[in-house]
Amino acid sequence: MRKENLGIILTADIAAKARGRAFPMQDFQKYLVTGCGWVPANLAIDAYGGITNPNPFGSVGDLRLMPDVSSISNAVVKNDGEQITMVLADIFTIEGKPWENDPRTFLKNAIRDLEKE
């Protein structure tokens, strides 16, 4: 039986670990447009897999991982040719604004400030 290839929307947490949501590749185009749900507590997971205490982001609320289509890439994950398609994402509020604690937004703002200077 052939397994379906997967897509994954990825972000990096404060500990520089990749975090994200995987889904069947048949849904990839949909997720490129809609993004996927994400909770603030995901950013509070430490390098060992536990949630930091205190958790500065809380456990309530909803965010969206919105894919950056310029970052789409493919990787072969097994010798039999199974592939995974990956895309990096920015974290947005459900109102469609960049989340103030998104590490990618921090980086983009730092680059912008450096270029101004």
PDB file of N, CA and C in Angstrom:
ATOM      1  N   MET A   1       0.835  -1.174   0.000  1.00  0.00           N
ATOM      2  CA  MET A   1       0.000   0.000   0.000  1.00  0.00           C
ATOM      3  C   MET A   1       0.884   1.243   0.000  1.00  0.00           C
ATOM      4  N   ARG A   2       0.600   2.191  -0.874  1.00  0.00           N
ATOM      5  CA  ARG A   2       1.384   3.420  -0.988  1.00  0.00           C
ATOM      6  C   ARG A   2       0.832   4.471  -0.031  1.00  0.00           C
ATOM      7  N   LYS A   3       1.716   5.039   0.734  1.00  0.00           N
ATOM      8  CA  LYS A   3       1.319   6.121   1.632  1.00  0.00           C
ATOM      9  C   LYS A   3       1.256   7.421   0.842  1.00  0.00           C
ATOM     10  N   GLU A   4       0.332   8.273   1.227  1.00  0.00           N
ATOM     11  CA  GLU A   4       0.217   9.577   0.580  1.00  0.00           C
ATOM     12  C   GLU A   4       1.327  10.493   1.095  1.00  0.00           C
ATOM     13  N   ASN A   5       1.901  11.274   0.179  1.00  0.00           N
ATOM     14  CA  ASN A   5       2.905  12.250   0.582  1.00  0.00           C
ATOM     15  C   ASN A   5       2.277  13.299   1.486  1.00  0.00           C
ATOM     16  N   LEU A   6       3.106  13.891   2.326  1.00  0.00           N
ATOM     17  CA  LEU A   6       2.633  14.878   3.279  1.00  0.00           C
ATOM     18  C   LEU A   6       3.144  16.269   2.944  1.00  0.00           C
ATOM     19  N   GLY A   7       2.380  17.259   3.355  1.00  0.00           N
ATOM     20  CA  GLY A   7       2.815  18.643   3.358  1.00  0.00           C
ATOM     21  C   GLY A   7       2.931  19.061   4.811  1.00  0.00           C
ATOM     22  N   ILE A   8       3.762  20.048   5.079  1.00  0.00           N
ATOM     23  CA  ILE A   8       3.885  20.552   6.444  1.00  0.00           C
ATOM     24  C   ILE A   8       4.127  22.051   6.414  1.00  0.00           C
ATOM     25  N   ILE A   9       3.405  22.753   7.285  1.00  0.00           N
ATOM     26  CA  ILE A   9       3.608  24.184   7.487  1.00  0.00           C
ATOM     27  C   ILE A   9       4.471  24.317   8.731  1.00  0.00           C
ATOM     28  N   LEU A  10       5.608  25.007   8.601  1.00  0.00           N
ATOM     29  CA  LEU A  10       6.589  25.065   9.689  1.00  0.00           C
ATOM     30  C   LEU A  10       6.845  26.483  10.181  1.00  0.00           C
ATOM     31  N   THR A  11       7.115  26.566  11.446  1.00  0.00           N
ATOM     32  CA  THR A  11       7.648  27.778  12.055  1.00  0.00           C
ATOM     33  C   THR A  11       8.735  27.338  13.016  1.00  0.00           C
ATOM     34  N   ALA A  12       9.482  28.278  13.547  1.00  0.00           N
ATOM     35  CA  ALA A  12      10.499  27.947  14.540  1.00  0.00           C
ATOM     36  C   ALA A  12      10.124  28.587  15.857  1.00  0.00           C
ATOM     37  N   ASP A  13      10.355  27.855  16.927  1.00  0.00           N
ATOM     38  CA  ASP A  13      10.037  28.422  18.239  1.00  0.00           C
ATOM     39  C   ASP A  13      11.250  29.173  18.789  1.00  0.00           C
ATOM     40  N   ILE A  14      11.138  29.658  20.004  1.00  0.00           N
ATOM     41  CA  ILE A  14      12.205  30.446  20.613  1.00  0.00           C
ATOM     42  C   ILE A  14      13.464  29.614  20.829  1.00  0.00           C
ATOM     43  N   ALA A  15      13.320  28.298  20.987  1.00  0.00           N
ATOM     44  CA  ALA A  15      14.468  27.409  21.153  1.00  0.00           C
ATOM     45  C   ALA A  15      15.036  26.963  19.802  1.00  0.00           C
ATOM     46  N   ALA A  16      14.535  27.549  18.701  1.00  0.00           N
ATOM     47  CA  ALA A  16      14.981  27.267  17.329  1.00  0.00           C
ATOM     48  C   ALA A  16      14.619  25.862  16.862  1.00  0.00           C
ATOM     49  N   LYS A  17      13.594  25.286  17.465  1.00  0.00           N
ATOM     50  CA  LYS A  17      13.098  23.987  17.020  1.00  0.00           C
ATOM     51  C   LYS A  17      11.960  24.204  16.035  1.00  0.00           C
ATOM     52  N   ALA A  18      11.943  23.396  14.993  1.00  0.00           N
ATOM     53  CA  ALA A  18      10.855  23.479  14.015  1.00  0.00           C
ATOM     54  C   ALA A  18       9.576  22.933  14.628  1.00  0.00           C
ATOM     55  N   ARG A  19       8.516  23.672  14.463  1.00  0.00           N
ATOM     56  CA  ARG A  19       7.190  23.269  14.928  1.00  0.00           C
ATOM     57  C   ARG A  19       6.229  23.493  13.775  1.00  0.00           C
ATOM     58  N   GLY A  20       5.181  22.703  13.705  1.00  0.00           N
ATOM     59  CA  GLY A  20       4.236  22.937  12.633  1.00  0.00           C
ATOM     60  C   GLY A  20       3.104  21.947  12.610  1.00  0.00           C
ATOM     61  N   ARG A  21       2.406  21.943  11.485  1.00  0.00           N
ATOM     62  CA  ARG A  21       1.261  21.061  11.264  1.00  0.00           C
ATOM     63  C   ARG A  21       1.477  20.329   9.944  1.00  0.00           C
ATOM     64  N   ALA A  22       1.293  19.017   9.994  1.00  0.00           N
ATOM     65  CA  ALA A  22       1.377  18.194   8.790  1.00  0.00           C
ATOM     66  C   ALA A  22      -0.033  17.854   8.316  1.00  0.00           C
ATOM     67  N   PHE A  23      -0.164  17.589   7.025  1.00  0.00           N
ATOM     68  CA  PHE A  23      -1.462  17.302   6.424  1.00  0.00           C
ATOM     69  C   PHE A  23      -1.242  16.526   5.133  1.00  0.00           C
ATOM     70  N   PRO A  24      -2.288  15.825   4.653  1.00  0.00           N
ATOM     71  CA  PRO A  24      -2.155  15.115   3.383  1.00  0.00           C
ATOM     72  C   PRO A  24      -1.864  16.101   2.248  1.00  0.00           C
ATOM     73  N   MET A  25      -0.996  15.702   1.345  1.00  0.00           N
ATOM     74  CA  MET A  25      -0.584  16.579   0.253  1.00  0.00           C
ATOM     75  C   MET A  25      -1.767  17.052  -0.594  1.00  0.00           C
ATOM     76  N   GLN A  26      -2.826  16.266  -0.655  1.00  0.00           N
ATOM     77  CA  GLN A  26      -3.992  16.683  -1.446  1.00  0.00           C
ATOM     78  C   GLN A  26      -4.602  17.984  -0.918  1.00  0.00           C
ATOM     79  N   ASP A  27      -4.316  18.346   0.337  1.00  0.00           N
ATOM     80  CA  ASP A  27      -4.842  19.576   0.943  1.00  0.00           C
ATOM     81  C   ASP A  27      -3.870  20.750   0.873  1.00  0.00           C
ATOM     82  N   PHE A  28      -2.707  20.556   0.244  1.00  0.00           N
ATOM     83  CA  PHE A  28      -1.652  21.571   0.256  1.00  0.00           C
ATOM     84  C   PHE A  28      -2.123  22.923  -0.274  1.00  0.00           C
ATOM     85  N   GLN A  29      -2.757  22.942  -1.430  1.00  0.00           N
ATOM     86  CA  GLN A  29      -3.200  24.216  -2.020  1.00  0.00           C
ATOM     87  C   GLN A  29      -4.162  24.952  -1.096  1.00  0.00           C
ATOM     88  N   LYS A  30      -5.060  24.218  -0.452  1.00  0.00           N
ATOM     89  CA  LYS A  30      -6.003  24.844   0.472  1.00  0.00           C
ATOM     90  C   LYS A  30      -5.262  25.522   1.622  1.00  0.00           C
ATOM     91  N   TYR A  31      -4.288  24.823   2.207  1.00  0.00           N
ATOM     92  CA  TYR A  31      -3.558  25.386   3.337  1.00  0.00           C
ATOM     93  C   TYR A  31      -2.670  26.558   2.937  1.00  0.00           C
ATOM     94  N   LEU A  32      -2.225  26.603   1.690  1.00  0.00           N
ATOM     95  CA  LEU A  32      -1.453  27.763   1.245  1.00  0.00           C
ATOM     96  C   LEU A  32      -2.282  29.038   1.326  1.00  0.00           C
ATOM     97  N   VAL A  33      -3.583  28.914   1.141  1.00  0.00           N
ATOM     98  CA  VAL A  33      -4.481  30.069   1.174  1.00  0.00           C
ATOM     99  C   VAL A  33      -4.983  30.350   2.586  1.00  0.00           C
ATOM    100  N   THR A  34      -5.418  29.314   3.279  1.00  0.00           N
ATOM    101  CA  THR A  34      -6.078  29.509   4.574  1.00  0.00           C
ATOM    102  C   THR A  34      -5.129  29.466   5.760  1.00  0.00           C
ATOM    103  N   GLY A  35      -3.945  28.886   5.588  1.00  0.00           N
ATOM    104  CA  GLY A  35      -3.086  28.637   6.727  1.00  0.00           C
ATOM    105  C   GLY A  35      -3.712  27.550   7.590  1.00  0.00           C
ATOM    106  N   CYS A  36      -3.207  27.404   8.800  1.00  0.00           N
ATOM    107  CA  CYS A  36      -3.775  26.413   9.715  1.00  0.00           C
ATOM    108  C   CYS A  36      -3.768  26.968  11.129  1.00  0.00           C
ATOM    109  N   GLY A  37      -4.599  26.393  11.963  1.00  0.00           N
ATOM    110  CA  GLY A  37      -4.715  26.841  13.339  1.00  0.00           C
ATOM    111  C   GLY A  37      -3.453  26.577  14.145  1.00  0.00           C
ATOM    112  N   TRP A  38      -3.237  27.432  15.130  1.00  0.00           N
ATOM    113  CA  TRP A  38      -2.054  27.362  15.981  1.00  0.00           C
ATOM    114  C   TRP A  38      -2.419  28.002  17.304  1.00  0.00           C
ATOM    115  N   VAL A  39      -1.956  27.478  18.408  1.00  0.00           N
ATOM    116  CA  VAL A  39      -2.251  28.088  19.708  1.00  0.00           C
ATOM    117  C   VAL A  39      -0.983  28.732  20.267  1.00  0.00           C
ATOM    118  N   PRO A  40      -1.127  29.835  20.992  1.00  0.00           N
ATOM    119  CA  PRO A  40       0.043  30.525  21.534  1.00  0.00           C
ATOM    120  C   PRO A  40       0.946  29.639  22.384  1.00  0.00           C
ATOM    121  N   ALA A  41       0.370  28.685  23.111  1.00  0.00           N
ATOM    122  CA  ALA A  41       1.181  27.822  23.983  1.00  0.00           C
ATOM    123  C   ALA A  41       2.222  27.032  23.206  1.00  0.00           C
ATOM    124  N   ASN A  42       2.029  26.832  21.908  1.00  0.00           N
ATOM    125  CA  ASN A  42       3.032  26.106  21.119  1.00  0.00           C
ATOM    126  C   ASN A  42       4.388  26.802  21.156  1.00  0.00           C
ATOM    127  N   LEU A  43       4.395  28.113  21.298  1.00  0.00           N
ATOM    128  CA  LEU A  43       5.661  28.836  21.356  1.00  0.00           C
ATOM    129  C   LEU A  43       6.320  28.694  22.730  1.00  0.00           C
ATOM    130  N   ALA A  44       5.593  28.197  23.706  1.00  0.00           N
ATOM    131  CA  ALA A  44       6.128  28.035  25.060  1.00  0.00           C
ATOM    132  C   ALA A  44       6.696  26.638  25.294  1.00  0.00           C
ATOM    133  N   ILE A  45       6.721  25.797  24.267  1.00  0.00           N
ATOM    134  CA  ILE A  45       7.312  24.467  24.417  1.00  0.00           C
ATOM    135  C   ILE A  45       8.828  24.632  24.436  1.00  0.00           C
ATOM    136  N   ASP A  46       9.461  24.102  25.467  1.00  0.00           N
ATOM    137  CA  ASP A  46      10.911  24.265  25.584  1.00  0.00           C
ATOM    138  C   ASP A  46      11.659  23.246  24.719  1.00  0.00           C
ATOM    139  N   ALA A  47      12.968  23.319  24.738  1.00  0.00           N
ATOM    140  CA  ALA A  47      13.801  22.461  23.897  1.00  0.00           C
ATOM    141  C   ALA A  47      13.661  20.977  24.228  1.00  0.00           C
ATOM    142  N   TYR A  48      13.077  20.649  25.399  1.00  0.00           N
ATOM    143  CA  TYR A  48      12.922  19.266  25.811  1.00  0.00           C
ATOM    144  C   TYR A  48      11.497  18.750  25.642  1.00  0.00           C
ATOM    145  N   GLY A  49      10.611  19.585  25.082  1.00  0.00           N
ATOM    146  CA  GLY A  49       9.254  19.146  24.798  1.00  0.00           C
ATOM    147  C   GLY A  49       8.220  19.493  25.846  1.00  0.00           C
ATOM    148  N   GLY A  50       8.620  20.095  26.952  1.00  0.00           N
ATOM    149  CA  GLY A  50       7.668  20.502  27.975  1.00  0.00           C
ATOM    150  C   GLY A  50       7.248  21.953  27.795  1.00  0.00           C
ATOM    151  N   ILE A  51       6.131  22.319  28.383  1.00  0.00           N
ATOM    152  CA  ILE A  51       5.684  23.711  28.326  1.00  0.00           C
ATOM    153  C   ILE A  51       6.325  24.459  29.486  1.00  0.00           C
ATOM    154  N   THR A  52       6.943  25.589  29.183  1.00  0.00           N
ATOM    155  CA  THR A  52       7.605  26.372  30.216  1.00  0.00           C
ATOM    156  C   THR A  52       6.606  26.831  31.271  1.00  0.00           C
ATOM    157  N   ASN A  53       7.115  26.961  32.486  1.00  0.00           N
ATOM    158  CA  ASN A  53       6.275  27.415  33.584  1.00  0.00           C
ATOM    159  C   ASN A  53       7.019  28.521  34.317  1.00  0.00           C
ATOM    160  N   PRO A  54       6.511  29.751  34.304  1.00  0.00           N
ATOM    161  CA  PRO A  54       5.202  30.118  33.767  1.00  0.00           C
ATOM    162  C   PRO A  54       5.222  30.208  32.241  1.00  0.00           C
ATOM    163  N   ASN A  55       4.069  29.976  31.663  1.00  0.00           N
ATOM    164  CA  ASN A  55       3.882  30.064  30.220  1.00  0.00           C
ATOM    165  C   ASN A  55       3.418  31.490  29.904  1.00  0.00           C
ATOM    166  N   PRO A  56       4.278  32.321  29.319  1.00  0.00           N
ATOM    167  CA  PRO A  56       3.919  33.722  29.098  1.00  0.00           C
ATOM    168  C   PRO A  56       2.817  33.930  28.064  1.00  0.00           C
ATOM    169  N   PHE A  57       2.508  32.900  27.277  1.00  0.00           N
ATOM    170  CA  PHE A  57       1.530  33.056  26.206  1.00  0.00           C
ATOM    171  C   PHE A  57       0.146  32.522  26.571  1.00  0.00           C
ATOM    172  N   GLY A  58       0.060  31.809  27.680  1.00  0.00           N
ATOM    173  CA  GLY A  58      -1.215  31.242  28.086  1.00  0.00           C
ATOM    174  C   GLY A  58      -1.596  30.037  27.239  1.00  0.00           C
ATOM    175  N   SER A  59      -2.713  29.437  27.586  1.00  0.00           N
ATOM    176  CA  SER A  59      -3.159  28.239  26.864  1.00  0.00           C
ATOM    177  C   SER A  59      -4.466  28.483  26.129  1.00  0.00           C
ATOM    178  N   VAL A  60      -4.914  29.715  26.093  1.00  0.00           N
ATOM    179  CA  VAL A  60      -6.186  30.052  25.458  1.00  0.00           C
ATOM    180  C   VAL A  60      -5.912  30.970  24.289  1.00  0.00           C
ATOM    181  N   GLY A  61      -6.707  30.828  23.248  1.00  0.00           N
ATOM    182  CA  GLY A  61      -6.578  31.706  22.095  1.00  0.00           C
ATOM    183  C   GLY A  61      -6.301  30.926  20.843  1.00  0.00           C
ATOM    184  N   ASP A  62      -6.336  31.608  19.735  1.00  0.00           N
ATOM    185  CA  ASP A  62      -6.101  30.955  18.455  1.00  0.00           C
ATOM    186  C   ASP A  62      -5.282  31.876  17.577  1.00  0.00           C
ATOM    187  N   LEU A  63      -4.383  31.284  16.840  1.00  0.00           N
ATOM    188  CA  LEU A  63      -3.539  31.986  15.885  1.00  0.00           C
ATOM    189  C   LEU A  63      -3.596  31.230  14.571  1.00  0.00           C
ATOM    190  N   ARG A  64      -2.965  31.764  13.535  1.00  0.00           N
ATOM    191  CA  ARG A  64      -2.880  31.087  12.239  1.00  0.00           C
ATOM    192  C   ARG A  64      -1.435  31.037  11.796  1.00  0.00           C
ATOM    193  N   LEU A  65      -1.000  29.878  11.323  1.00  0.00           N
ATOM    194  CA  LEU A  65       0.270  29.762  10.620  1.00  0.00           C
ATOM    195  C   LEU A  65      -0.033  30.051   9.157  1.00  0.00           C
ATOM    196  N   MET A  66       0.464  31.177   8.656  1.00  0.00           N
ATOM    197  CA  MET A  66       0.200  31.583   7.274  1.00  0.00           C
ATOM    198  C   MET A  66       1.453  31.345   6.436  1.00  0.00           C
ATOM    199  N   PRO A  67       1.356  30.446   5.460  1.00  0.00           N
ATOM    200  CA  PRO A  67       2.520  30.063   4.671  1.00  0.00           C
ATOM    201  C   PRO A  67       3.124  31.202   3.859  1.00  0.00           C
ATOM    202  N   ASP A  68       4.436  31.190   3.775  1.00  0.00           N
ATOM    203  CA  ASP A  68       5.200  32.077   2.903  1.00  0.00           C
ATOM    204  C   ASP A  68       5.513  31.260   1.655  1.00  0.00           C
ATOM    205  N   VAL A  69       4.731  31.447   0.588  1.00  0.00           N
ATOM    206  CA  VAL A  69       4.851  30.586  -0.591  1.00  0.00           C
ATOM    207  C   VAL A  69       6.229  30.652  -1.242  1.00  0.00           C
ATOM    208  N   SER A  70       6.993  31.705  -0.968  1.00  0.00           N
ATOM    209  CA  SER A  70       8.345  31.787  -1.536  1.00  0.00           C
ATOM    210  C   SER A  70       9.299  30.784  -0.894  1.00  0.00           C
ATOM    211  N   SER A  71       8.857  30.133   0.186  1.00  0.00           N
ATOM    212  CA  SER A  71       9.741  29.211   0.910  1.00  0.00           C
ATOM    213  C   SER A  71       9.417  27.733   0.663  1.00  0.00           C
ATOM    214  N   ILE A  72       8.536  27.437  -0.263  1.00  0.00           N
ATOM    215  CA  ILE A  72       8.153  26.034  -0.515  1.00  0.00           C
ATOM    216  C   ILE A  72       9.369  25.234  -0.973  1.00  0.00           C
ATOM    217  N   SER A  73       9.554  24.066  -0.358  1.00  0.00           N
ATOM    218  CA  SER A  73      10.627  23.174  -0.782  1.00  0.00           C
ATOM    219  C   SER A  73      10.190  21.728  -0.581  1.00  0.00           C
ATOM    220  N   ASN A  74      10.871  20.836  -1.269  1.00  0.00           N
ATOM    221  CA  ASN A  74      10.568  19.407  -1.182  1.00  0.00           C
ATOM    222  C   ASN A  74      11.792  18.668  -0.666  1.00  0.00           C
ATOM    223  N   ALA A  75      11.534  17.598   0.054  1.00  0.00           N
ATOM    224  CA  ALA A  75      12.614  16.748   0.532  1.00  0.00           C
ATOM    225  C   ALA A  75      12.184  15.300   0.410  1.00  0.00           C
ATOM    226  N   VAL A  76      13.122  14.452   0.025  1.00  0.00           N
ATOM    227  CA  VAL A  76      12.879  13.013   0.029  1.00  0.00           C
ATOM    228  C   VAL A  76      13.230  12.520   1.419  1.00  0.00           C
ATOM    229  N   VAL A  77      12.283  11.850   2.058  1.00  0.00           N
ATOM    230  CA  VAL A  77      12.499  11.446   3.444  1.00  0.00           C
ATOM    231  C   VAL A  77      12.797   9.962   3.609  1.00  0.00           C
ATOM    232  N   LYS A  78      12.644   9.200   2.548  1.00  0.00           N
ATOM    233  CA  LYS A  78      12.936   7.769   2.621  1.00  0.00           C
ATOM    234  C   LYS A  78      13.586   7.323   1.325  1.00  0.00           C
ATOM    235  N   ASN A  79      14.287   6.219   1.388  1.00  0.00           N
ATOM    236  CA  ASN A  79      14.949   5.695   0.202  1.00  0.00           C
ATOM    237  C   ASN A  79      13.969   5.298  -0.901  1.00  0.00           C
ATOM    238  N   ASP A  80      12.702   5.050  -0.531  1.00  0.00           N
ATOM    239  CA  ASP A  80      11.722   4.643  -1.541  1.00  0.00           C
ATOM    240  C   ASP A  80      11.131   5.837  -2.296  1.00  0.00           C
ATOM    241  N   GLY A  81      11.650   7.027  -2.042  1.00  0.00           N
ATOM    242  CA  GLY A  81      11.208   8.198  -2.786  1.00  0.00           C
ATOM    243  C   GLY A  81      10.072   8.974  -2.147  1.00  0.00           C
ATOM    244  N   GLU A  82       9.632   8.572  -0.959  1.00  0.00           N
ATOM    245  CA  GLU A  82       8.569   9.322  -0.287  1.00  0.00           C
ATOM    246  C   GLU A  82       9.025  10.761  -0.074  1.00  0.00           C
ATOM    247  N   GLN A  83       8.152  11.701  -0.408  1.00  0.00           N
ATOM    248  CA  GLN A  83       8.502  13.116  -0.308  1.00  0.00           C
ATOM    249  C   GLN A  83       7.642  13.833   0.711  1.00  0.00           C
ATOM    250  N   ILE A  84       8.190  14.914   1.222  1.00  0.00           N
ATOM    251  CA  ILE A  84       7.424  15.829   2.046  1.00  0.00           C
ATOM    252  C   ILE A  84       7.632  17.224   1.468  1.00  0.00           C
ATOM    253  N   THR A  85       6.559  17.973   1.362  1.00  0.00           N
ATOM    254  CA  THR A  85       6.629  19.346   0.883  1.00  0.00           C
ATOM    255  C   THR A  85       6.503  20.262   2.090  1.00  0.00           C
ATOM    256  N   MET A  86       7.465  21.156   2.232  1.00  0.00           N
ATOM    257  CA  MET A  86       7.514  22.027   3.403  1.00  0.00           C
ATOM    258  C   MET A  86       7.342  23.475   2.980  1.00  0.00           C
ATOM    259  N   VAL A  87       6.738  24.261   3.866  1.00  0.00           N
ATOM    260  CA  VAL A  87       6.621  25.694   3.648  1.00  0.00           C
ATOM    261  C   VAL A  87       6.756  26.387   4.999  1.00  0.00           C
ATOM    262  N   LEU A  88       7.560  27.436   5.042  1.00  0.00           N
ATOM    263  CA  LEU A  88       7.694  28.214   6.268  1.00  0.00           C
ATOM    264  C   LEU A  88       6.493  29.131   6.425  1.00  0.00           C
ATOM    265  N   ALA A  89       6.191  29.478   7.666  1.00  0.00           N
ATOM    266  CA  ALA A  89       5.001  30.294   7.921  1.00  0.00           C
ATOM    267  C   ALA A  89       5.286  31.393   8.922  1.00  0.00           C
ATOM    268  N   ASP A  90       4.513  32.445   8.787  1.00  0.00           N
ATOM    269  CA  ASP A  90       4.469  33.514   9.774  1.00  0.00           C
ATOM    270  C   ASP A  90       3.254  33.254  10.650  1.00  0.00           C
ATOM    271  N   ILE A  91       3.315  33.712  11.891  1.00  0.00           N
ATOM    272  CA  ILE A  91       2.197  33.519  12.806  1.00  0.00           C
ATOM    273  C   ILE A  91       1.367  34.801  12.844  1.00  0.00           C
ATOM    274  N   PHE A  92       0.075  34.643  12.573  1.00  0.00           N
ATOM    275  CA  PHE A  92      -0.852  35.766  12.531  1.00  0.00           C
ATOM    276  C   PHE A  92      -1.954  35.580  13.561  1.00  0.00           C
ATOM    277  N   THR A  93      -2.553  36.697  13.973  1.00  0.00           N
ATOM    278  CA  THR A  93      -3.740  36.642  14.820  1.00  0.00           C
ATOM    279  C   THR A  93      -4.921  36.236  13.944  1.00  0.00           C
ATOM    280  N   ILE A  94      -6.022  35.882  14.557  1.00  0.00           N
ATOM    281  CA  ILE A  94      -7.199  35.516  13.757  1.00  0.00           C
ATOM    282  C   ILE A  94      -7.793  36.738  13.057  1.00  0.00           C
ATOM    283  N   GLU A  95      -7.373  37.940  13.480  1.00  0.00           N
ATOM    284  CA  GLU A  95      -7.802  39.167  12.797  1.00  0.00           C
ATOM    285  C   GLU A  95      -6.948  39.462  11.568  1.00  0.00           C
ATOM    286  N   GLY A  96      -5.923  38.628  11.323  1.00  0.00           N
ATOM    287  CA  GLY A  96      -5.094  38.786  10.129  1.00  0.00           C
ATOM    288  C   GLY A  96      -3.885  39.682  10.307  1.00  0.00           C
ATOM    289  N   LYS A  97      -3.497  39.976  11.536  1.00  0.00           N
ATOM    290  CA  LYS A  97      -2.329  40.812  11.801  1.00  0.00           C
ATOM    291  C   LYS A  97      -1.180  39.945  12.292  1.00  0.00           C
ATOM    292  N   PRO A  98       0.064  40.338  11.982  1.00  0.00           N
ATOM    293  CA  PRO A  98       1.191  39.565  12.509  1.00  0.00           C
ATOM    294  C   PRO A  98       1.121  39.489  14.030  1.00  0.00           C
ATOM    295  N   TRP A  99       1.341  38.292  14.572  1.00  0.00           N
ATOM    296  CA  TRP A  99       1.332  38.106  16.017  1.00  0.00           C
ATOM    297  C   TRP A  99       2.588  38.735  16.601  1.00  0.00           C
ATOM    298  N   GLU A 100       2.440  39.491  17.665  1.00  0.00           N
ATOM    299  CA  GLU A 100       3.550  40.247  18.242  1.00  0.00           C
ATOM    300  C   GLU A 100       4.691  39.382  18.754  1.00  0.00           C
ATOM    301  N   ASN A 101       4.467  38.089  18.967  1.00  0.00           N
ATOM    302  CA  ASN A 101       5.510  37.206  19.489  1.00  0.00           C
ATOM    303  C   ASN A 101       6.075  36.242  18.447  1.00  0.00           C
ATOM    304  N   ASP A 102       5.768  36.454  17.186  1.00  0.00           N
ATOM    305  CA  ASP A 102       6.231  35.565  16.121  1.00  0.00           C
ATOM    306  C   ASP A 102       7.728  35.759  15.879  1.00  0.00           C
ATOM    307  N   PRO A 103       8.550  34.712  16.034  1.00  0.00           N
ATOM    308  CA  PRO A 103       9.991  34.852  15.802  1.00  0.00           C
ATOM    309  C   PRO A 103      10.338  35.327  14.386  1.00  0.00           C
ATOM    310  N   ARG A 104       9.585  34.910  13.373  1.00  0.00           N
ATOM    311  CA  ARG A 104       9.872  35.387  12.009  1.00  0.00           C
ATOM    312  C   ARG A 104       9.575  36.872  11.878  1.00  0.00           C
ATOM    313  N   THR A 105       8.523  37.341  12.550  1.00  0.00           N
ATOM    314  CA  THR A 105       8.219  38.771  12.524  1.00  0.00           C
ATOM    315  C   THR A 105       9.321  39.552  13.237  1.00  0.00           C
ATOM    316  N   PHE A 106       9.821  39.019  14.366  1.00  0.00           N
ATOM    317  CA  PHE A 106      10.962  39.659  15.037  1.00  0.00           C
ATOM    318  C   PHE A 106      12.120  39.818  14.062  1.00  0.00           C
ATOM    319  N   LEU A 107      12.448  38.745  13.349  1.00  0.00           N
ATOM    320  CA  LEU A 107      13.567  38.769  12.413  1.00  0.00           C
ATOM    321  C   LEU A 107      13.327  39.775  11.294  1.00  0.00           C
ATOM    322  N   LYS A 108      12.139  39.753  10.700  1.00  0.00           N
ATOM    323  CA  LYS A 108      11.829  40.708   9.621  1.00  0.00           C
ATOM    324  C   LYS A 108      11.935  42.147  10.102  1.00  0.00           C
ATOM    325  N   ASN A 109      11.434  42.414  11.311  1.00  0.00           N
ATOM    326  CA  ASN A 109      11.519  43.774  11.856  1.00  0.00           C
ATOM    327  C   ASN A 109      12.963  44.177  12.128  1.00  0.00           C
ATOM    328  N   ALA A 110      13.765  43.238  12.624  1.00  0.00           N
ATOM    329  CA  ALA A 110      15.171  43.538  12.890  1.00  0.00           C
ATOM    330  C   ALA A 110      15.910  43.848  11.588  1.00  0.00           C
ATOM    331  N   ILE A 111      15.632  43.080  10.550  1.00  0.00           N
ATOM    332  CA  ILE A 111      16.269  43.338   9.250  1.00  0.00           C
ATOM    333  C   ILE A 111      15.840  44.707   8.714  1.00  0.00           C
ATOM    334  N   ARG A 112      14.547  44.996   8.816  1.00  0.00           N
ATOM    335  CA  ARG A 112      14.030  46.292   8.358  1.00  0.00           C
ATOM    336  C   ARG A 112      14.705  47.438   9.116  1.00  0.00           C
ATOM    337  N   ASP A 113      14.800  47.312  10.435  1.00  0.00           N
ATOM    338  CA  ASP A 113      15.440  48.358  11.242  1.00  0.00           C
ATOM    339  C   ASP A 113      16.906  48.525  10.894  1.00  0.00           C
ATOM    340  N   LEU A 114      17.602  47.418  10.661  1.00  0.00           N
ATOM    341  CA  LEU A 114      19.010  47.475  10.287  1.00  0.00           C
ATOM    342  C   LEU A 114      19.179  48.165   8.941  1.00  0.00           C
ATOM    343  N   GLU A 115      18.307  47.837   7.992  1.00  0.00           N
ATOM    344  CA  GLU A 115      18.406  48.478   6.679  1.00  0.00           C
ATOM    345  C   GLU A 115      18.140  49.986   6.767  1.00  0.00           C
ATOM    346  N   LYS A 116      17.232  50.392   7.637  1.00  0.00           N
ATOM    347  CA  LYS A 116      16.967  51.831   7.837  1.00  0.00           C
ATOM    348  C   LYS A 116      18.208  52.522   8.404  1.00  0.00           C
ATOM    349  N   GLU A 117      18.837  51.867   9.355  1.00  0.00           N
ATOM    350  CA  GLU A 117      20.003  52.448  10.027  1.00  0.00           C
ATOM    351  C   GLU A 117      21.165  52.533   9.066  1.00  0.00           C
TER     352      GLU A 117
END
